[in-house]
Amino acid sequence: MQYSENRAIVDPWFIQPRGFARRRILSIFAISLLTILTTGISVSMLRSGDPTAVSASKYVILFGISMALALALALRPQSGPFFKRPVRIAKEGEQSLLIVPGSKLYFWLPQAMYLCFAMIFLLASYGFATSEEGVHWPLFIIFAALGSVLVIPLVLAATGELRPEKLVLSADSIVHHGWSSQTTLYWADVNRLHASFNLQPLQRLLNIVGLSSAQWIHRYNRPFYKVSDNPSRPWNKNKMSHPGWIVVECPRLAVDSITLYRFLDFYVANPELRAELGTMSSVERWHSFDNAH
């Protein structure tokens, strides 16, 4: 099958689900409003001169920072061109690979939000433990437990168990390194690409669809626990993959989603050229698609 330059000229996400744009606008507006309100409230509390209000203002400030981070996360897909990173070539033994990098900003923004909420609960637990009216043990235990749970993703990110996303392409396979899992699909088993939308959160998805008989390898990073012989994680950070598919949440990659679609579509259509993946020819081909729009 010969590749046609007309296959991927149109944005594959051009047709959006009904209400998608409206929901995005409303969510950004709501988060912006919360950010402004918490900023105003925290300033008012700090200026009040009331010791209780001043002491409580730290919780409002931390919540306001978390809302500002959420706003930055919501705006990240629109700011893609300013945070793009180049694809690169890497070596793994004798094999050459092409690395499509992940967005470090999109990865660390949620971790910073977790830190804000963890601090809110841990500071509250400390307040209940040192209250002049006596220790409130039930509230101390509840807030300390909540704060400790929210610290887990931060520890996992610091130790590398959670890490920014990336796609690793070789002549034989596509390996998707998600935030908390890894999925491998061989090129010979790829059937088609399918562009779709995730409504929670609002973002573009690129589905690399395998054949029904595809050799599909999916595993979670440790640590995890098992339920009915299936590994699961309460802090799983990836959208559940359909068996035989690789599901890419586009904002998590530091590249243009249309360029990625066109690039992968080219190699789906031209299996005889997959041997160039991991060479400068594949990098030059990427740039040709990236500069085409």
Protein backbone atom coordinates (compact mmCIF):
# COMPACT_ATOMS: atom_id res chain seq x y z
CA MET A 1 0.00 0.00 0.00
CA GLN A 2 1.46 3.36 -1.00
CA TYR A 3 1.20 6.32 1.31
CA SER A 4 -0.84 9.27 0.12
CA GLU A 5 0.01 12.74 1.36
CA ASN A 6 -3.74 13.37 1.56
CA ARG A 7 -4.34 10.68 4.20
CA ALA A 8 -3.59 12.87 7.20
CA ILE A 9 -3.85 16.44 5.93
CA VAL A 10 -7.02 17.10 7.94
CA ASP A 11 -6.76 17.24 11.71
CA PRO A 12 -8.04 13.78 12.78
CA TRP A 13 -9.56 15.41 15.88
CA PHE A 14 -11.39 18.04 13.81
CA ILE A 15 -14.83 16.62 14.63
CA GLN A 16 -15.26 16.99 18.37
CA PRO A 17 -17.89 15.29 20.52
CA ARG A 18 -20.98 17.39 21.17
CA GLY A 19 -20.37 19.77 24.03
CA PHE A 20 -16.61 19.08 24.20
CA ALA A 21 -15.57 22.69 23.49
CA ARG A 22 -18.27 24.04 25.80
CA ARG A 23 -17.18 21.77 28.65
CA ARG A 24 -13.56 22.82 28.17
CA ILE A 25 -14.46 26.52 28.26
CA LEU A 26 -16.69 26.09 31.31
CA SER A 27 -14.07 24.06 33.20
CA ILE A 28 -11.35 26.64 32.49
CA PHE A 29 -13.72 29.44 33.53
CA ALA A 30 -14.66 27.64 36.78
CA ILE A 31 -11.03 26.93 37.72
CA SER A 32 -10.05 30.53 36.87
CA LEU A 33 -12.87 31.83 39.07
CA LEU A 34 -11.82 29.60 41.97
CA THR A 35 -8.21 30.76 41.60
CA ILE A 36 -9.25 34.44 41.69
CA LEU A 37 -11.63 33.91 44.61
CA THR A 38 -9.09 32.05 46.74
CA THR A 39 -6.47 34.69 45.98
CA GLY A 40 -8.85 37.44 47.11
CA ILE A 41 -9.91 35.52 50.22
CA SER A 42 -6.35 34.72 51.26
CA VAL A 43 -5.25 38.35 50.86
CA SER A 44 -8.26 39.50 52.89
CA MET A 45 -7.48 36.98 55.65
CA LEU A 46 -3.81 38.02 55.81
CA ARG A 47 -4.76 41.71 56.05
CA SER A 48 -7.50 41.19 58.62
CA GLY A 49 -5.17 41.20 61.60
CA ASP A 50 -7.22 38.42 63.18
CA PRO A 51 -4.76 35.74 64.42
CA THR A 52 -7.24 32.94 63.68
CA ALA A 53 -7.85 34.17 60.14
CA VAL A 54 -4.13 34.66 59.53
CA SER A 55 -3.43 31.14 60.80
CA ALA A 56 -6.18 29.64 58.61
CA SER A 57 -5.03 31.56 55.55
CA LYS A 58 -2.29 29.00 54.82
CA TYR A 59 -4.96 26.45 53.90
CA VAL A 60 -6.66 28.89 51.55
CA ILE A 61 -3.30 29.84 49.99
CA LEU A 62 -2.39 26.18 49.39
CA PHE A 63 -5.83 25.52 47.88
CA GLY A 64 -5.42 28.60 45.66
CA ILE A 65 -2.01 27.37 44.47
CA SER A 66 -3.53 23.98 43.64
CA MET A 67 -6.25 25.70 41.59
CA ALA A 68 -3.63 27.75 39.73
CA LEU A 69 -1.77 24.52 38.95
CA ALA A 70 -5.03 22.93 37.77
CA LEU A 71 -5.59 25.93 35.50
CA ALA A 72 -2.09 25.54 34.04
CA LEU A 73 -2.84 21.85 33.48
CA ALA A 74 -6.10 22.68 31.70
CA LEU A 75 -4.36 25.25 29.48
CA ARG A 76 -1.39 22.98 28.68
CA PRO A 77 -2.93 21.47 25.48
CA GLN A 78 -3.43 24.99 24.07
CA SER A 79 0.17 25.96 24.90
CA GLY A 80 1.67 22.90 23.19
CA PRO A 81 3.80 24.78 20.61
CA PHE A 82 5.66 26.58 23.43
CA PHE A 83 6.67 23.37 25.22
CA LYS A 84 7.55 21.06 22.35
CA ARG A 85 10.63 18.85 22.66
CA PRO A 86 12.49 17.26 19.74
CA VAL A 87 12.40 13.56 18.97
CA ARG A 88 15.76 11.88 19.44
CA ILE A 89 17.69 8.74 18.61
CA ALA A 90 18.83 6.34 21.32
CA LYS A 91 20.67 3.03 21.45
CA GLU A 92 19.58 -0.08 23.35
CA GLY A 93 22.25 -2.69 22.84
CA GLU A 94 22.64 -3.04 19.09
CA GLN A 95 19.18 -1.64 18.35
CA SER A 96 18.55 1.96 17.31
CA LEU A 97 15.40 3.59 18.66
CA LEU A 98 13.45 6.77 18.03
CA ILE A 99 12.22 8.43 21.22
CA VAL A 100 9.09 10.59 21.16
CA PRO A 101 9.48 12.52 24.43
CA GLY A 102 6.90 13.13 27.12
CA SER A 103 5.91 16.45 28.64
CA LYS A 104 7.71 16.98 31.94
CA LEU A 105 5.49 19.99 32.67
CA TYR A 106 2.28 17.98 32.23
CA PHE A 107 3.74 15.27 34.47
CA TRP A 108 4.90 17.46 37.35
CA LEU A 109 1.88 19.77 37.51
CA PRO A 110 -0.36 17.04 38.99
CA GLN A 111 2.43 16.02 41.37
CA ALA A 112 2.61 19.64 42.59
CA MET A 113 -1.18 19.59 43.10
CA TYR A 114 -0.84 16.42 45.19
CA LEU A 115 1.83 18.17 47.24
CA CYS A 116 -0.50 21.11 47.96
CA PHE A 117 -3.35 18.88 49.14
CA ALA A 118 -0.98 16.67 51.13
CA MET A 119 0.32 19.78 52.92
CA ILE A 120 -3.24 20.94 53.65
CA PHE A 121 -4.14 17.63 55.33
CA LEU A 122 -0.81 17.21 57.14
CA LEU A 123 -0.87 20.78 58.46
CA ALA A 124 -4.46 20.23 59.61
CA SER A 125 -3.46 16.99 61.37
CA TYR A 126 -0.60 18.84 63.08
CA GLY A 127 -3.06 21.53 64.19
CA PHE A 128 -5.39 18.92 65.72
CA ALA A 129 -2.42 17.31 67.47
CA THR A 130 -1.17 20.57 69.02
CA SER A 131 -4.49 22.27 69.71
CA GLU A 132 -4.66 24.27 72.95
CA GLU A 133 -8.02 22.62 73.59
CA GLY A 134 -6.43 19.18 73.62
CA VAL A 135 -5.54 16.58 71.02
CA HIS A 136 -8.42 15.62 68.71
CA TRP A 137 -7.25 12.09 67.96
CA PRO A 138 -9.98 11.01 65.51
CA LEU A 139 -9.48 14.10 63.34
CA PHE A 140 -5.70 13.86 63.67
CA ILE A 141 -5.73 10.24 62.44
CA ILE A 142 -8.12 10.97 59.55
CA PHE A 143 -6.20 13.99 58.23
CA ALA A 144 -2.80 12.36 58.77
CA ALA A 145 -3.95 9.30 56.83
CA LEU A 146 -5.30 11.42 53.97
CA GLY A 147 -2.07 13.43 53.81
CA SER A 148 0.04 10.27 53.86
CA VAL A 149 -1.93 8.72 50.99
CA LEU A 150 -1.48 11.86 48.88
CA VAL A 151 2.28 11.72 49.49
CA ILE A 152 2.51 8.27 47.83
CA PRO A 153 2.46 9.54 44.21
CA LEU A 154 5.15 12.09 45.09
CA VAL A 155 7.38 9.37 46.52
CA LEU A 156 6.78 7.18 43.45
CA ALA A 157 7.60 10.10 41.14
CA ALA A 158 10.78 10.86 43.09
CA THR A 159 11.90 7.22 42.88
CA GLY A 160 11.05 6.89 39.19
CA GLU A 161 8.12 4.48 39.58
CA LEU A 162 6.00 7.24 38.08
CA ARG A 163 7.71 9.11 35.27
CA PRO A 164 6.93 11.29 32.24
CA GLU A 165 5.44 9.52 29.26
CA LYS A 166 7.29 8.59 26.07
CA LEU A 167 6.93 6.50 22.92
CA VAL A 168 9.86 4.31 21.85
CA LEU A 169 9.74 3.33 18.17
CA SER A 170 11.91 0.72 16.51
CA ALA A 171 11.77 -1.20 13.26
CA ASP A 172 9.90 -4.01 15.06
CA SER A 173 7.70 -2.46 17.69
CA ILE A 174 6.01 0.49 19.37
CA VAL A 175 6.61 0.68 23.12
CA HIS A 176 4.46 3.11 25.10
CA HIS A 177 5.97 4.06 28.46
CA GLY A 178 3.06 5.55 30.39
CA TRP A 179 3.27 7.29 33.72
CA SER A 180 2.73 4.02 35.59
CA SER A 181 2.73 1.23 32.99
CA GLN A 182 4.34 0.00 29.80
CA THR A 183 2.64 -1.38 26.67
CA THR A 184 4.30 -3.03 23.68
CA LEU A 185 2.68 -3.64 20.30
CA TYR A 186 4.57 -5.02 17.30
CA TRP A 187 4.28 -3.16 14.02
CA ALA A 188 3.20 -6.36 12.26
CA ASP A 189 0.16 -6.46 14.57
CA VAL A 190 -0.90 -2.82 14.05
CA ASN A 191 -4.22 -2.52 12.24
CA ARG A 192 -4.95 1.23 12.18
CA LEU A 193 -4.84 4.52 14.08
CA HIS A 194 -7.97 5.87 15.71
CA ALA A 195 -8.30 9.45 17.00
CA SER A 196 -10.74 9.95 19.86
CA PHE A 197 -11.46 12.16 22.87
CA ASN A 198 -11.32 11.60 26.59
CA LEU A 199 -14.08 13.49 28.41
CA GLN A 200 -12.58 13.17 31.89
CA PRO A 201 -10.18 14.92 31.71
CA LEU A 202 -10.91 16.75 28.45
CA GLN A 203 -8.13 15.77 26.07
CA ARG A 204 -7.23 14.12 22.78
CA LEU A 205 -6.47 10.40 22.61
CA LEU A 206 -4.53 8.57 19.91
CA ASN A 207 -5.37 4.87 19.82
CA ILE A 208 -2.94 2.54 18.06
CA VAL A 209 -5.26 -0.34 17.28
CA GLY A 210 -3.88 -3.84 17.01
CA LEU A 211 -5.29 -6.85 15.19
CA SER A 212 -7.51 -9.23 17.15
CA SER A 213 -4.60 -11.69 17.19
CA ALA A 214 -2.02 -9.06 18.19
CA GLN A 215 0.86 -10.00 20.47
CA TRP A 216 0.21 -7.38 23.13
CA ILE A 217 2.37 -6.92 26.21
CA HIS A 218 1.10 -4.70 29.03
CA ARG A 219 2.57 -4.40 32.51
CA TYR A 220 2.36 -2.05 35.47
CA ASN A 221 5.31 -0.49 37.23
CA ARG A 222 5.82 -1.70 40.75
CA PRO A 223 4.49 -1.45 43.37
CA PHE A 224 1.02 -2.83 42.71
CA TYR A 225 -1.41 -5.21 44.36
CA LYS A 226 -3.44 -8.01 42.80
CA VAL A 227 -7.22 -8.32 42.64
CA SER A 228 -8.51 -11.56 41.07
CA ASP A 229 -5.02 -12.25 39.66
CA ASN A 230 -4.99 -8.87 37.85
CA PRO A 231 -2.42 -6.24 38.89
CA SER A 232 -3.98 -2.95 39.94
CA ARG A 233 -2.88 0.26 41.60
CA PRO A 234 -4.85 2.83 43.59
CA TRP A 235 -2.49 5.49 42.16
CA ASN A 236 -2.67 4.26 38.54
CA LYS A 237 -2.01 7.30 36.33
CA ASN A 238 -2.82 5.86 32.92
CA LYS A 239 -6.06 5.46 31.05
CA MET A 240 -6.90 1.75 30.95
CA SER A 241 -5.69 0.30 27.69
CA HIS A 242 -8.05 -1.71 25.51
CA PRO A 243 -6.48 -5.20 25.07
CA GLY A 244 -4.44 -5.14 21.87
CA TRP A 245 -4.32 -1.32 21.76
CA ILE A 246 -1.90 1.39 22.81
CA VAL A 247 -3.78 4.40 24.17
CA VAL A 248 -1.82 7.66 24.11
CA GLU A 249 -3.13 10.72 25.97
CA CYS A 250 -1.77 13.38 23.63
CA PRO A 251 -1.11 16.22 26.14
CA ARG A 252 1.25 13.91 27.98
CA LEU A 253 3.68 13.97 25.06
CA ALA A 254 5.79 17.05 24.33
CA VAL A 255 5.06 16.92 20.60
CA ASP A 256 2.30 18.07 18.27
CA SER A 257 -0.49 15.49 18.21
CA ILE A 258 -1.24 15.93 14.49
CA THR A 259 2.45 15.45 13.65
CA LEU A 260 2.48 12.28 15.75
CA TYR A 261 -0.62 10.97 13.98
CA ARG A 262 0.82 11.66 10.51
CA PHE A 263 4.19 10.17 11.43
CA LEU A 264 2.76 6.91 12.77
CA ASP A 265 0.24 6.75 9.94
CA PHE A 266 3.09 6.90 7.43
CA TYR A 267 4.76 3.83 8.91
CA VAL A 268 1.45 1.98 9.20
CA ALA A 269 1.00 2.56 5.46
CA ASN A 270 4.63 1.87 4.52
CA PRO A 271 5.91 -1.19 6.39
CA GLU A 272 8.92 -1.46 4.08
CA LEU A 273 10.29 1.82 5.49
CA ARG A 274 10.04 0.94 9.18
CA ALA A 275 13.70 -0.12 9.15
CA GLU A 276 14.62 3.58 9.09
CA LEU A 277 13.12 4.14 12.57
CA GLY A 278 15.98 4.98 14.88
CA THR A 279 18.02 6.60 12.11
CA MET A 280 18.40 10.22 11.02
CA SER A 281 16.04 9.48 8.13
CA SER A 282 13.18 8.99 10.62
CA VAL A 283 14.10 12.23 12.42
CA GLU A 284 14.11 14.12 9.12
CA ARG A 285 10.77 12.56 8.22
CA TRP A 286 9.36 13.70 11.57
CA HIS A 287 10.47 17.26 10.88
CA SER A 288 8.91 17.15 7.41
CA PHE A 289 5.53 16.32 8.95
CA ASP A 290 6.02 18.81 11.79
CA ASN A 291 6.76 21.65 9.37
CA ALA A 292 3.83 20.78 7.10
CA HIS A 293 1.26 22.64 9.22
